[in-house]
Amino acid sequence: MIRSLKQIETLVRKAKDEAYSQMKAPLTPAFSGPVRWPVKCTVGPGLEGAIACESRVGYVNGSQGALIYRGHDVFDLCAYSSFEEVSYLLIHGELPTRKELDVFKERLVRYRYVPATLRQLMSFPIEQMNAMAALRMGTTNT
């Protein structure tokens, strides 16, 4: 069932409201800034409380059910941003302007191009072919 963008936005906002209503305390990063080693932590069930790595890209607070990318709540990104906008955010550290987004989308389209030879190779069961025939097919420009 295909939903309109407005319906999807409404569903995401409801999910956010429900998730945040169940939080026992306001969402504040428990760790901010660089980690000072050695780190003392108690590892609970499911590695709760364990520090896996230091990251400027994302913040996860599993006990509160929070996920933040580059300072943006994941619920807000889901409701109001496109895949390309979030990809740009993760790579460049900030949401794109309209012009930056247009350029980024054009680059993504160029990266999706698959040469004719590769498209042809993908349609043949190469693993069942003679090695020389597969090599010839892969090096011939059609």
Protein backbone atom coordinates (compact mmCIF):
# COMPACT_ATOMS: atom_id res chain seq x y z
CA MET A 1 0.00 0.00 0.00
CA ILE A 2 1.56 3.27 -1.12
CA ARG A 3 1.08 6.16 1.27
CA SER A 4 1.40 9.85 0.56
CA LEU A 5 4.39 11.72 1.97
CA LYS A 6 2.09 13.52 4.40
CA GLN A 7 0.78 10.20 5.76
CA ILE A 8 4.34 8.89 6.19
CA GLU A 9 5.38 12.11 7.93
CA THR A 10 2.42 11.76 10.30
CA LEU A 11 3.29 8.13 11.10
CA VAL A 12 6.93 9.04 11.84
CA ARG A 13 5.89 11.97 14.06
CA LYS A 14 3.54 9.66 16.00
CA ALA A 15 6.35 7.11 16.43
CA LYS A 16 8.64 9.88 17.68
CA ASP A 17 6.03 11.16 20.15
CA GLU A 18 5.44 7.64 21.47
CA ALA A 19 9.18 6.90 21.79
CA TYR A 20 9.90 10.18 23.55
CA SER A 21 6.91 9.82 25.89
CA GLN A 22 8.44 6.59 27.19
CA MET A 23 11.80 8.20 28.01
CA LYS A 24 12.47 8.51 31.71
CA ALA A 25 14.71 11.56 31.34
CA PRO A 26 15.39 14.22 28.72
CA LEU A 27 17.61 13.06 25.89
CA THR A 28 21.12 14.25 26.57
CA PRO A 29 24.24 12.58 25.26
CA ALA A 30 25.92 10.72 28.10
CA PHE A 31 29.28 11.09 26.42
CA SER A 32 30.27 14.19 24.52
CA GLY A 33 33.69 15.12 23.27
CA PRO A 34 36.65 12.84 22.87
CA VAL A 35 36.82 9.69 24.94
CA ARG A 36 39.62 9.62 27.50
CA TRP A 37 41.25 6.23 27.64
CA PRO A 38 41.27 3.96 29.55
CA VAL A 39 37.49 3.95 29.85
CA LYS A 40 35.83 2.29 32.82
CA CYS A 41 32.42 0.87 32.05
CA THR A 42 30.24 -1.95 33.24
CA VAL A 43 29.11 -4.25 30.48
CA GLY A 44 25.56 -5.43 31.02
CA PRO A 45 23.31 -7.74 29.04
CA GLY A 46 23.56 -7.11 25.31
CA LEU A 47 26.72 -5.03 25.87
CA GLU A 48 24.59 -2.26 27.41
CA GLY A 49 26.85 0.57 28.51
CA ALA A 50 29.81 -0.66 26.46
CA ILE A 51 31.66 1.91 24.40
CA ALA A 52 32.20 0.49 20.92
CA CYS A 53 33.90 3.47 19.34
CA GLU A 54 34.21 7.20 19.24
CA SER A 55 32.19 8.83 16.47
CA ARG A 56 31.34 12.31 15.21
CA VAL A 57 28.71 10.86 12.88
CA GLY A 58 26.19 9.26 15.17
CA TYR A 59 25.08 8.98 18.75
CA VAL A 60 23.09 6.03 20.07
CA ASN A 61 21.45 5.86 23.46
CA GLY A 62 19.95 2.39 23.46
CA SER A 63 18.43 2.65 26.92
CA GLN A 64 16.44 5.72 25.82
CA GLY A 65 15.85 4.45 22.27
CA ALA A 66 17.58 7.45 20.68
CA LEU A 67 19.58 7.70 17.48
CA ILE A 68 21.11 10.98 16.36
CA TYR A 69 23.05 11.56 13.14
CA ARG A 70 25.27 14.65 13.04
CA GLY A 71 23.05 16.38 15.59
CA HIS A 72 19.75 15.49 13.88
CA ASP A 73 17.22 13.14 15.48
CA VAL A 74 16.61 10.10 13.26
CA PHE A 75 12.83 10.59 13.54
CA ASP A 76 13.13 14.10 12.08
CA LEU A 77 15.37 12.85 9.27
CA CYS A 78 12.84 10.11 8.46
CA ALA A 79 9.92 12.52 8.45
CA TYR A 80 11.41 15.45 6.60
CA SER A 81 14.49 14.37 4.62
CA SER A 82 15.14 12.25 1.54
CA PHE A 83 17.64 9.41 1.25
CA GLU A 84 19.96 11.72 -0.70
CA GLU A 85 19.75 14.47 1.94
CA VAL A 86 20.63 12.06 4.75
CA SER A 87 23.47 10.56 2.67
CA TYR A 88 24.85 14.05 2.12
CA LEU A 89 24.54 14.78 5.85
CA LEU A 90 26.45 11.63 6.79
CA ILE A 91 29.23 12.30 4.28
CA HIS A 92 29.60 16.09 4.59
CA GLY A 93 28.45 16.75 8.17
CA GLU A 94 25.54 19.07 7.38
CA LEU A 95 22.29 19.03 5.46
CA PRO A 96 22.67 20.28 1.89
CA THR A 97 21.34 23.46 0.36
CA ARG A 98 19.06 23.04 -2.65
CA LYS A 99 22.00 23.59 -5.05
CA GLU A 100 24.29 21.20 -3.14
CA LEU A 101 21.54 18.56 -3.17
CA ASP A 102 21.01 18.93 -6.92
CA VAL A 103 24.75 18.53 -7.60
CA PHE A 104 24.94 15.55 -5.22
CA LYS A 105 21.97 13.84 -6.93
CA GLU A 106 23.61 14.34 -10.35
CA ARG A 107 26.80 12.71 -9.04
CA LEU A 108 24.83 9.77 -7.67
CA VAL A 109 23.17 9.26 -11.05
CA ARG A 110 26.59 9.18 -12.74
CA TYR A 111 27.87 6.64 -10.18
CA ARG A 112 24.92 4.33 -10.94
CA TYR A 113 25.96 3.96 -14.57
CA VAL A 114 26.86 0.37 -15.42
CA PRO A 115 28.85 -0.10 -18.66
CA ALA A 116 27.28 -2.24 -21.39
CA THR A 117 29.90 -4.96 -20.97
CA LEU A 118 29.09 -5.38 -17.29
CA ARG A 119 25.36 -5.40 -18.00
CA GLN A 120 25.98 -8.11 -20.59
CA LEU A 121 28.14 -10.11 -18.16
CA MET A 122 25.45 -9.93 -15.49
CA SER A 123 22.97 -11.64 -17.83
CA PHE A 124 25.20 -14.68 -18.51
CA PRO A 125 25.86 -17.61 -16.16
CA ILE A 126 29.64 -17.02 -16.22
CA GLU A 127 30.34 -19.70 -13.61
CA GLN A 128 29.05 -22.29 -16.13
CA MET A 129 31.19 -20.98 -19.00
CA ASN A 130 34.61 -21.97 -20.23
CA ALA A 131 37.21 -19.68 -18.60
CA MET A 132 38.46 -18.32 -21.96
CA ALA A 133 34.91 -17.57 -23.13
CA ALA A 134 34.22 -15.65 -19.89
CA LEU A 135 37.50 -13.73 -20.23
CA ARG A 136 36.79 -12.91 -23.88
CA MET A 137 33.28 -11.70 -22.99
CA GLY A 138 34.64 -9.52 -20.17
CA THR A 139 37.28 -7.83 -22.31
CA THR A 140 35.29 -7.33 -25.50
CA ASN A 141 33.80 -3.86 -25.84
CA THR A 142 30.36 -4.10 -27.42
